[in-house]
C-alpha cells in the first residue's frame, strides 16, 4: 500500500512538472506576441500582420487559453483599422469581436480580456457595430473590481475607464449616468486633459 501511494505521488509530481513547464512556455510566447500587439496599437502595421500569424499559431498550440483568443481578436480589430476596403474592414472587425466574445464567455473574470473587449467596443462606430452597451458592461465590471480591490488597475487606466464609461453613457443619451461618472472622475484626477474633455462634452 505504501509503495502504491509513493508511486502515485511520483506520477502526480511528474505530471505537474511538464504542465508547469508548458504553462511557462505559453507565458513566454504570449508575452512576445503581446509586444507585437502593443506595437500594432501605436500604428505599426507590420507588427499587426506578424502578430496575427503568431497568435493564430499560439491558439493552435494552446487551444484552452482564452487570453490568447482575446488578444487575437484585438489584432483582428487592428487589421480592420488598417484596411482600406470598407467591406473587408467590417469583416475583420466582426471576426475580432466574435473572438473577444468567446474569450469573455470562457473567462469572464479576467481583467485583461474585459479591458480588451471593452476598449475595442468603445472605439467602434456605434451606428455600424452597436457595441457601446458591451463597452459599458465591461467597463462597469472593471471599475467595480477596482473599487472593491484597489490597485487592480493602474491609476492612469482607471481614470481613462471612468472617462470613457461616461462618454459611452453620453453617446447613448444616458446623460445622468454620464454626469455621475465624470463628476466622480473630477474628484479623483489631477489630469487637466479630462477637465477639458468633460467641459467640452457638457
C-alpha atoms as a PDB file:
ATOM      1  CA  UNK A   1       0.000   0.000   0.000  1.00  0.00           C
ATOM      2  CA  UNK A   2       2.825   2.353   0.928  1.00  0.00           C
ATOM      3  CA  UNK A   3       4.646   1.541  -2.313  1.00  0.00           C
ATOM      4  CA  UNK A   4       1.481   2.189  -4.292  1.00  0.00           C
ATOM      5  CA  UNK A   5       0.961   5.574  -2.588  1.00  0.00           C
ATOM      6  CA  UNK A   6       4.586   6.508  -3.231  1.00  0.00           C
ATOM      7  CA  UNK A   7       4.293   5.559  -6.896  1.00  0.00           C
ATOM      8  CA  UNK A   8       1.053   7.557  -7.252  1.00  0.00           C
ATOM      9  CA  UNK A   9       2.631  10.636  -5.690  1.00  0.00           C
ATOM     10  CA  UNK A  10       5.634  10.294  -8.016  1.00  0.00           C
ATOM     11  CA  UNK A  11       3.354  10.076 -11.067  1.00  0.00           C
ATOM     12  CA  UNK A  12       1.381  13.126  -9.965  1.00  0.00           C
ATOM     13  CA  UNK A  13       4.600  15.075  -9.422  1.00  0.00           C
ATOM     14  CA  UNK A  14       5.952  14.024 -12.817  1.00  0.00           C
ATOM     15  CA  UNK A  15       2.733  15.175 -14.468  1.00  0.00           C
ATOM     16  CA  UNK A  16       2.797  18.502 -12.629  1.00  0.00           C
ATOM     17  CA  UNK A  17       6.313  19.421 -13.790  1.00  0.00           C
ATOM     18  CA  UNK A  18       5.552  19.142 -17.544  1.00  0.00           C
ATOM     19  CA  UNK A  19       2.284  21.061 -17.007  1.00  0.00           C
ATOM     20  CA  UNK A  20       4.151  23.875 -15.259  1.00  0.00           C
ATOM     21  CA  UNK A  21       6.825  23.876 -17.947  1.00  0.00           C
ATOM     22  CA  UNK A  22       4.192  24.015 -20.679  1.00  0.00           C
ATOM     23  CA  UNK A  23       2.491  26.959 -18.958  1.00  0.00           C
ATOM     24  CA  UNK A  24       5.820  28.794 -18.631  1.00  0.00           C
ATOM     25  CA  UNK A  25       6.488  28.358 -22.359  1.00  0.00           C
ATOM     26  CA  UNK A  26       2.981  29.624 -23.122  1.00  0.00           C
ATOM     27  CA  UNK A  27       3.537  32.721 -20.963  1.00  0.00           C
ATOM     28  CA  UNK A  28       6.825  33.447 -22.752  1.00  0.00           C
ATOM     29  CA  UNK A  29       5.256  33.100 -26.181  1.00  0.00           C
ATOM     30  CA  UNK A  30       2.247  35.159 -25.125  1.00  0.00           C
ATOM     31  CA  UNK A  31       4.477  37.971 -23.818  1.00  0.00           C
ATOM     32  CA  UNK A  32       6.359  38.076 -27.118  1.00  0.00           C
ATOM     33  CA  UNK A  33       3.095  38.146 -29.085  1.00  0.00           C
ATOM     34  CA  UNK A  34       1.666  40.887 -26.830  1.00  0.00           C
ATOM     35  CA  UNK A  35       4.749  43.001 -27.558  1.00  0.00           C
ATOM     36  CA  UNK A  36       3.857  42.799 -31.249  1.00  0.00           C
ATOM     37  CA  UNK A  37       0.232  43.610 -30.400  1.00  0.00           C
ATOM     38  CA  UNK A  38       1.287  46.712 -28.478  1.00  0.00           C
ATOM     39  CA  UNK A  39       3.486  47.893 -31.343  1.00  0.00           C
ATOM     40  CA  UNK A  40       0.459  47.450 -33.582  1.00  0.00           C
ATOM     41  CA  UNK A  41      -1.653  49.544 -31.238  1.00  0.00           C
ATOM     42  CA  UNK A  42       0.582  52.551 -31.829  1.00  0.00           C
ATOM     43  CA  UNK A  43       0.426  52.158 -35.598  1.00  0.00           C
ATOM     44  CA  UNK A  44       2.972  49.522 -36.691  1.00  0.00           C
ATOM     45  CA  UNK A  45       1.079  47.707 -39.475  1.00  0.00           C
ATOM     46  CA  UNK A  46       3.903  45.185 -39.989  1.00  0.00           C
ATOM     47  CA  UNK A  47       3.705  44.209 -36.313  1.00  0.00           C
ATOM     48  CA  UNK A  48      -0.057  43.713 -36.685  1.00  0.00           C
ATOM     49  CA  UNK A  49       0.394  41.320 -39.593  1.00  0.00           C
ATOM     50  CA  UNK A  50       3.126  39.397 -37.787  1.00  0.00           C
ATOM     51  CA  UNK A  51       1.075  39.254 -34.591  1.00  0.00           C
ATOM     52  CA  UNK A  52      -1.874  37.791 -36.486  1.00  0.00           C
ATOM     53  CA  UNK A  53       0.294  34.867 -37.613  1.00  0.00           C
ATOM     54  CA  UNK A  54       1.858  34.433 -34.170  1.00  0.00           C
ATOM     55  CA  UNK A  55      -1.465  34.424 -32.312  1.00  0.00           C
ATOM     56  CA  UNK A  56      -3.017  32.038 -34.813  1.00  0.00           C
ATOM     57  CA  UNK A  57      -0.214  29.544 -34.154  1.00  0.00           C
ATOM     58  CA  UNK A  58      -0.328  30.162 -30.407  1.00  0.00           C
ATOM     59  CA  UNK A  59      -4.032  29.347 -30.327  1.00  0.00           C
ATOM     60  CA  UNK A  60      -3.415  26.129 -32.257  1.00  0.00           C
ATOM     61  CA  UNK A  61      -0.696  25.065 -29.839  1.00  0.00           C
ATOM     62  CA  UNK A  62      -2.630  26.146 -26.719  1.00  0.00           C
ATOM     63  CA  UNK A  63      -6.356  25.915 -27.541  1.00  0.00           C
ATOM     64  CA  UNK A  64      -7.545  26.281 -23.924  1.00  0.00           C
ATOM     65  CA  UNK A  65      -6.185  29.766 -23.182  1.00  0.00           C
ATOM     66  CA  UNK A  66      -8.882  32.473 -23.576  1.00  0.00           C
ATOM     67  CA  UNK A  67      -6.322  35.273 -23.165  1.00  0.00           C
ATOM     68  CA  UNK A  68      -4.678  34.260 -26.465  1.00  0.00           C
ATOM     69  CA  UNK A  69      -8.106  34.221 -28.107  1.00  0.00           C
ATOM     70  CA  UNK A  70      -8.813  37.731 -26.781  1.00  0.00           C
ATOM     71  CA  UNK A  71      -5.533  39.201 -27.997  1.00  0.00           C
ATOM     72  CA  UNK A  72      -6.043  37.570 -31.395  1.00  0.00           C
ATOM     73  CA  UNK A  73      -9.468  39.212 -31.538  1.00  0.00           C
ATOM     74  CA  UNK A  74      -7.848  42.546 -30.719  1.00  0.00           C
ATOM     75  CA  UNK A  75      -5.296  42.023 -33.500  1.00  0.00           C
ATOM     76  CA  UNK A  76      -8.130  41.393 -35.953  1.00  0.00           C
ATOM     77  CA  UNK A  77      -9.624  44.737 -34.961  1.00  0.00           C
ATOM     78  CA  UNK A  78      -6.258  46.353 -35.752  1.00  0.00           C
ATOM     79  CA  UNK A  79      -6.223  44.636 -39.138  1.00  0.00           C
ATOM     80  CA  UNK A  80      -9.653  46.185 -39.691  1.00  0.00           C
ATOM     81  CA  UNK A  81      -8.283  49.579 -38.655  1.00  0.00           C
ATOM     82  CA  UNK A  82      -5.523  49.372 -41.276  1.00  0.00           C
ATOM     83  CA  UNK A  83      -7.754  48.020 -44.066  1.00  0.00           C
ATOM     84  CA  UNK A  84      -8.870  50.479 -46.778  1.00  0.00           C
ATOM     85  CA  UNK A  85     -11.726  48.383 -48.197  1.00  0.00           C
ATOM     86  CA  UNK A  86     -14.848  49.096 -46.067  1.00  0.00           C
ATOM     87  CA  UNK A  87     -16.366  45.632 -46.576  1.00  0.00           C
ATOM     88  CA  UNK A  88     -13.154  43.797 -45.660  1.00  0.00           C
ATOM     89  CA  UNK A  89     -12.664  46.152 -42.714  1.00  0.00           C
ATOM     90  CA  UNK A  90     -16.150  45.284 -41.455  1.00  0.00           C
ATOM     91  CA  UNK A  91     -15.483  41.539 -41.828  1.00  0.00           C
ATOM     92  CA  UNK A  92     -12.200  41.673 -39.877  1.00  0.00           C
ATOM     93  CA  UNK A  93     -13.783  43.737 -37.108  1.00  0.00           C
ATOM     94  CA  UNK A  94     -16.644  41.262 -36.745  1.00  0.00           C
ATOM     95  CA  UNK A  95     -14.231  38.317 -36.649  1.00  0.00           C
ATOM     96  CA  UNK A  96     -12.301  40.052 -33.894  1.00  0.00           C
ATOM     97  CA  UNK A  97     -15.448  40.776 -31.897  1.00  0.00           C
ATOM     98  CA  UNK A  98     -16.541  37.149 -32.162  1.00  0.00           C
ATOM     99  CA  UNK A  99     -13.229  36.005 -30.667  1.00  0.00           C
ATOM    100  CA  UNK A 100     -13.435  38.607 -27.899  1.00  0.00           C
ATOM    101  CA  UNK A 101     -16.962  37.490 -27.015  1.00  0.00           C
ATOM    102  CA  UNK A 102     -15.770  33.877 -26.896  1.00  0.00           C
ATOM    103  CA  UNK A 103     -12.880  34.828 -24.611  1.00  0.00           C
ATOM    104  CA  UNK A 104     -15.152  36.715 -22.195  1.00  0.00           C
ATOM    105  CA  UNK A 105     -17.594  33.787 -22.125  1.00  0.00           C
ATOM    106  CA  UNK A 106     -14.718  31.406 -21.305  1.00  0.00           C
ATOM    107  CA  UNK A 107     -13.024  33.645 -18.734  1.00  0.00           C
ATOM    108  CA  UNK A 108     -15.424  36.373 -17.533  1.00  0.00           C
ATOM    109  CA  UNK A 109     -13.261  37.316 -14.515  1.00  0.00           C
ATOM    110  CA  UNK A 110     -10.096  38.084 -16.477  1.00  0.00           C
ATOM    111  CA  UNK A 111      -9.446  41.845 -16.314  1.00  0.00           C
ATOM    112  CA  UNK A 112      -7.228  41.851 -19.401  1.00  0.00           C
ATOM    113  CA  UNK A 113      -9.902  40.216 -21.525  1.00  0.00           C
ATOM    114  CA  UNK A 114     -12.598  42.610 -20.291  1.00  0.00           C
ATOM    115  CA  UNK A 115     -10.248  45.541 -20.909  1.00  0.00           C
ATOM    116  CA  UNK A 116      -9.524  44.443 -24.483  1.00  0.00           C
ATOM    117  CA  UNK A 117     -13.159  43.842 -25.411  1.00  0.00           C
ATOM    118  CA  UNK A 118     -14.398  46.968 -23.646  1.00  0.00           C
ATOM    119  CA  UNK A 119     -11.838  49.247 -25.286  1.00  0.00           C
ATOM    120  CA  UNK A 120     -12.421  47.864 -28.772  1.00  0.00           C
ATOM    121  CA  UNK A 121     -16.205  48.024 -28.362  1.00  0.00           C
ATOM    122  CA  UNK A 122     -15.941  51.618 -27.124  1.00  0.00           C
ATOM    123  CA  UNK A 123     -13.926  52.754 -30.151  1.00  0.00           C
ATOM    124  CA  UNK A 124     -16.060  51.080 -32.826  1.00  0.00           C
ATOM    125  CA  UNK A 125     -18.666  53.260 -34.594  1.00  0.00           C
ATOM    126  CA  UNK A 126     -21.971  52.603 -32.827  1.00  0.00           C
ATOM    127  CA  UNK A 127     -24.056  53.036 -35.988  1.00  0.00           C
ATOM    128  CA  UNK A 128     -22.337  50.055 -37.651  1.00  0.00           C
ATOM    129  CA  UNK A 129     -21.456  47.732 -34.784  1.00  0.00           C
ATOM    130  CA  UNK A 130     -23.844  48.552 -31.897  1.00  0.00           C
ATOM    131  CA  UNK A 131     -21.255  47.668 -29.252  1.00  0.00           C
ATOM    132  CA  UNK A 132     -21.449  50.640 -26.884  1.00  0.00           C
ATOM    133  CA  UNK A 133     -23.541  48.573 -24.441  1.00  0.00           C
ATOM    134  CA  UNK A 134     -20.801  45.928 -24.472  1.00  0.00           C
ATOM    135  CA  UNK A 135     -18.253  48.585 -23.588  1.00  0.00           C
ATOM    136  CA  UNK A 136     -20.468  49.801 -20.744  1.00  0.00           C
ATOM    137  CA  UNK A 137     -20.822  46.246 -19.395  1.00  0.00           C
ATOM    138  CA  UNK A 138     -17.078  45.584 -19.443  1.00  0.00           C
ATOM    139  CA  UNK A 139     -16.133  48.981 -18.017  1.00  0.00           C
ATOM    140  CA  UNK A 140     -18.656  48.703 -15.177  1.00  0.00           C
ATOM    141  CA  UNK A 141     -17.243  45.315 -14.186  1.00  0.00           C
ATOM    142  CA  UNK A 142     -13.653  46.595 -14.287  1.00  0.00           C
ATOM    143  CA  UNK A 143     -14.467  49.737 -12.286  1.00  0.00           C
ATOM    144  CA  UNK A 144     -16.441  47.730  -9.721  1.00  0.00           C
ATOM    145  CA  UNK A 145     -13.468  45.395  -9.224  1.00  0.00           C
ATOM    146  CA  UNK A 146     -11.120  48.325  -8.741  1.00  0.00           C
ATOM    147  CA  UNK A 147     -13.464  49.819  -6.145  1.00  0.00           C
ATOM    148  CA  UNK A 148     -13.522  46.512  -4.240  1.00  0.00           C
ATOM    149  CA  UNK A 149      -9.836  45.690  -4.810  1.00  0.00           C
ATOM    150  CA  UNK A 150      -7.917  48.974  -5.055  1.00  0.00           C
ATOM    151  CA  UNK A 151      -4.781  48.712  -7.153  1.00  0.00           C
ATOM    152  CA  UNK A 152      -6.081  46.029  -9.511  1.00  0.00           C
ATOM    153  CA  UNK A 153      -5.973  48.586 -12.354  1.00  0.00           C
ATOM    154  CA  UNK A 154      -3.210  51.201 -12.799  1.00  0.00           C
ATOM    155  CA  UNK A 155      -4.393  54.730 -11.903  1.00  0.00           C
ATOM    156  CA  UNK A 156      -3.983  56.120 -15.424  1.00  0.00           C
ATOM    157  CA  UNK A 157      -6.000  53.268 -16.957  1.00  0.00           C
ATOM    158  CA  UNK A 158      -8.646  53.553 -14.245  1.00  0.00           C
ATOM    159  CA  UNK A 159      -9.181  57.259 -14.921  1.00  0.00           C
ATOM    160  CA  UNK A 160      -9.414  56.544 -18.643  1.00  0.00           C
ATOM    161  CA  UNK A 161     -12.029  53.853 -17.949  1.00  0.00           C
ATOM    162  CA  UNK A 162     -14.192  56.259 -15.939  1.00  0.00           C
ATOM    163  CA  UNK A 163     -13.977  58.942 -18.633  1.00  0.00           C
ATOM    164  CA  UNK A 164     -14.807  56.510 -21.442  1.00  0.00           C
ATOM    165  CA  UNK A 165     -17.678  54.961 -19.455  1.00  0.00           C
ATOM    166  CA  UNK A 166     -19.120  58.450 -19.059  1.00  0.00           C
ATOM    167  CA  UNK A 167     -18.652  59.069 -22.769  1.00  0.00           C
ATOM    168  CA  UNK A 168     -20.347  55.751 -23.625  1.00  0.00           C
ATOM    169  CA  UNK A 169     -23.326  56.784 -21.495  1.00  0.00           C
ATOM    170  CA  UNK A 170     -23.290  60.225 -23.138  1.00  0.00           C
ATOM    171  CA  UNK A 171     -23.407  58.846 -26.667  1.00  0.00           C
ATOM    172  CA  UNK A 172     -26.395  56.651 -25.743  1.00  0.00           C
ATOM    173  CA  UNK A 173     -28.224  59.663 -24.221  1.00  0.00           C
ATOM    174  CA  UNK A 174     -27.922  58.433 -20.634  1.00  0.00           C
ATOM    175  CA  UNK A 175     -26.832  61.863 -19.522  1.00  0.00           C
ATOM    176  CA  UNK A 176     -27.386  61.426 -15.793  1.00  0.00           C
ATOM    177  CA  UNK A 177     -25.102  58.369 -15.701  1.00  0.00           C
ATOM    178  CA  UNK A 178     -22.520  60.241 -17.796  1.00  0.00           C
ATOM    179  CA  UNK A 179     -22.558  63.158 -15.382  1.00  0.00           C
ATOM    180  CA  UNK A 180     -22.124  60.808 -12.394  1.00  0.00           C
ATOM    181  CA  UNK A 181     -19.061  59.197 -13.997  1.00  0.00           C
ATOM    182  CA  UNK A 182     -17.462  62.494 -14.904  1.00  0.00           C
ATOM    183  CA  UNK A 183     -18.205  64.058 -11.518  1.00  0.00           C
ATOM    184  CA  UNK A 184     -16.500  61.093  -9.857  1.00  0.00           C
ATOM    185  CA  UNK A 185     -13.515  61.436 -12.179  1.00  0.00           C
ATOM    186  CA  UNK A 186     -13.157  65.156 -11.488  1.00  0.00           C
ATOM    187  CA  UNK A 187     -12.855  64.452  -7.752  1.00  0.00           C
ATOM    188  CA  UNK A 188     -10.039  61.943  -8.370  1.00  0.00           C
ATOM    189  CA  UNK A 189      -7.875  63.180 -11.233  1.00  0.00           C
ATOM    190  CA  UNK A 190      -5.296  65.918 -11.472  1.00  0.00           C
ATOM    191  CA  UNK A 191      -5.060  65.493 -15.250  1.00  0.00           C
ATOM    192  CA  UNK A 192      -6.225  68.730 -16.973  1.00  0.00           C
ATOM    193  CA  UNK A 193      -6.965  66.738 -20.130  1.00  0.00           C
ATOM    194  CA  UNK A 194     -10.088  65.235 -18.558  1.00  0.00           C
ATOM    195  CA  UNK A 195     -11.317  68.575 -17.239  1.00  0.00           C
ATOM    196  CA  UNK A 196     -11.049  69.965 -20.762  1.00  0.00           C
ATOM    197  CA  UNK A 197     -12.771  66.962 -22.390  1.00  0.00           C
ATOM    198  CA  UNK A 198     -15.604  66.914 -19.862  1.00  0.00           C
ATOM    199  CA  UNK A 199     -16.165  70.640 -20.209  1.00  0.00           C
ATOM    200  CA  UNK A 200     -16.468  70.188 -23.975  1.00  0.00           C
ATOM    201  CA  UNK A 201     -18.955  67.344 -23.613  1.00  0.00           C
ATOM    202  CA  UNK A 202     -21.134  69.015 -21.008  1.00  0.00           C
END
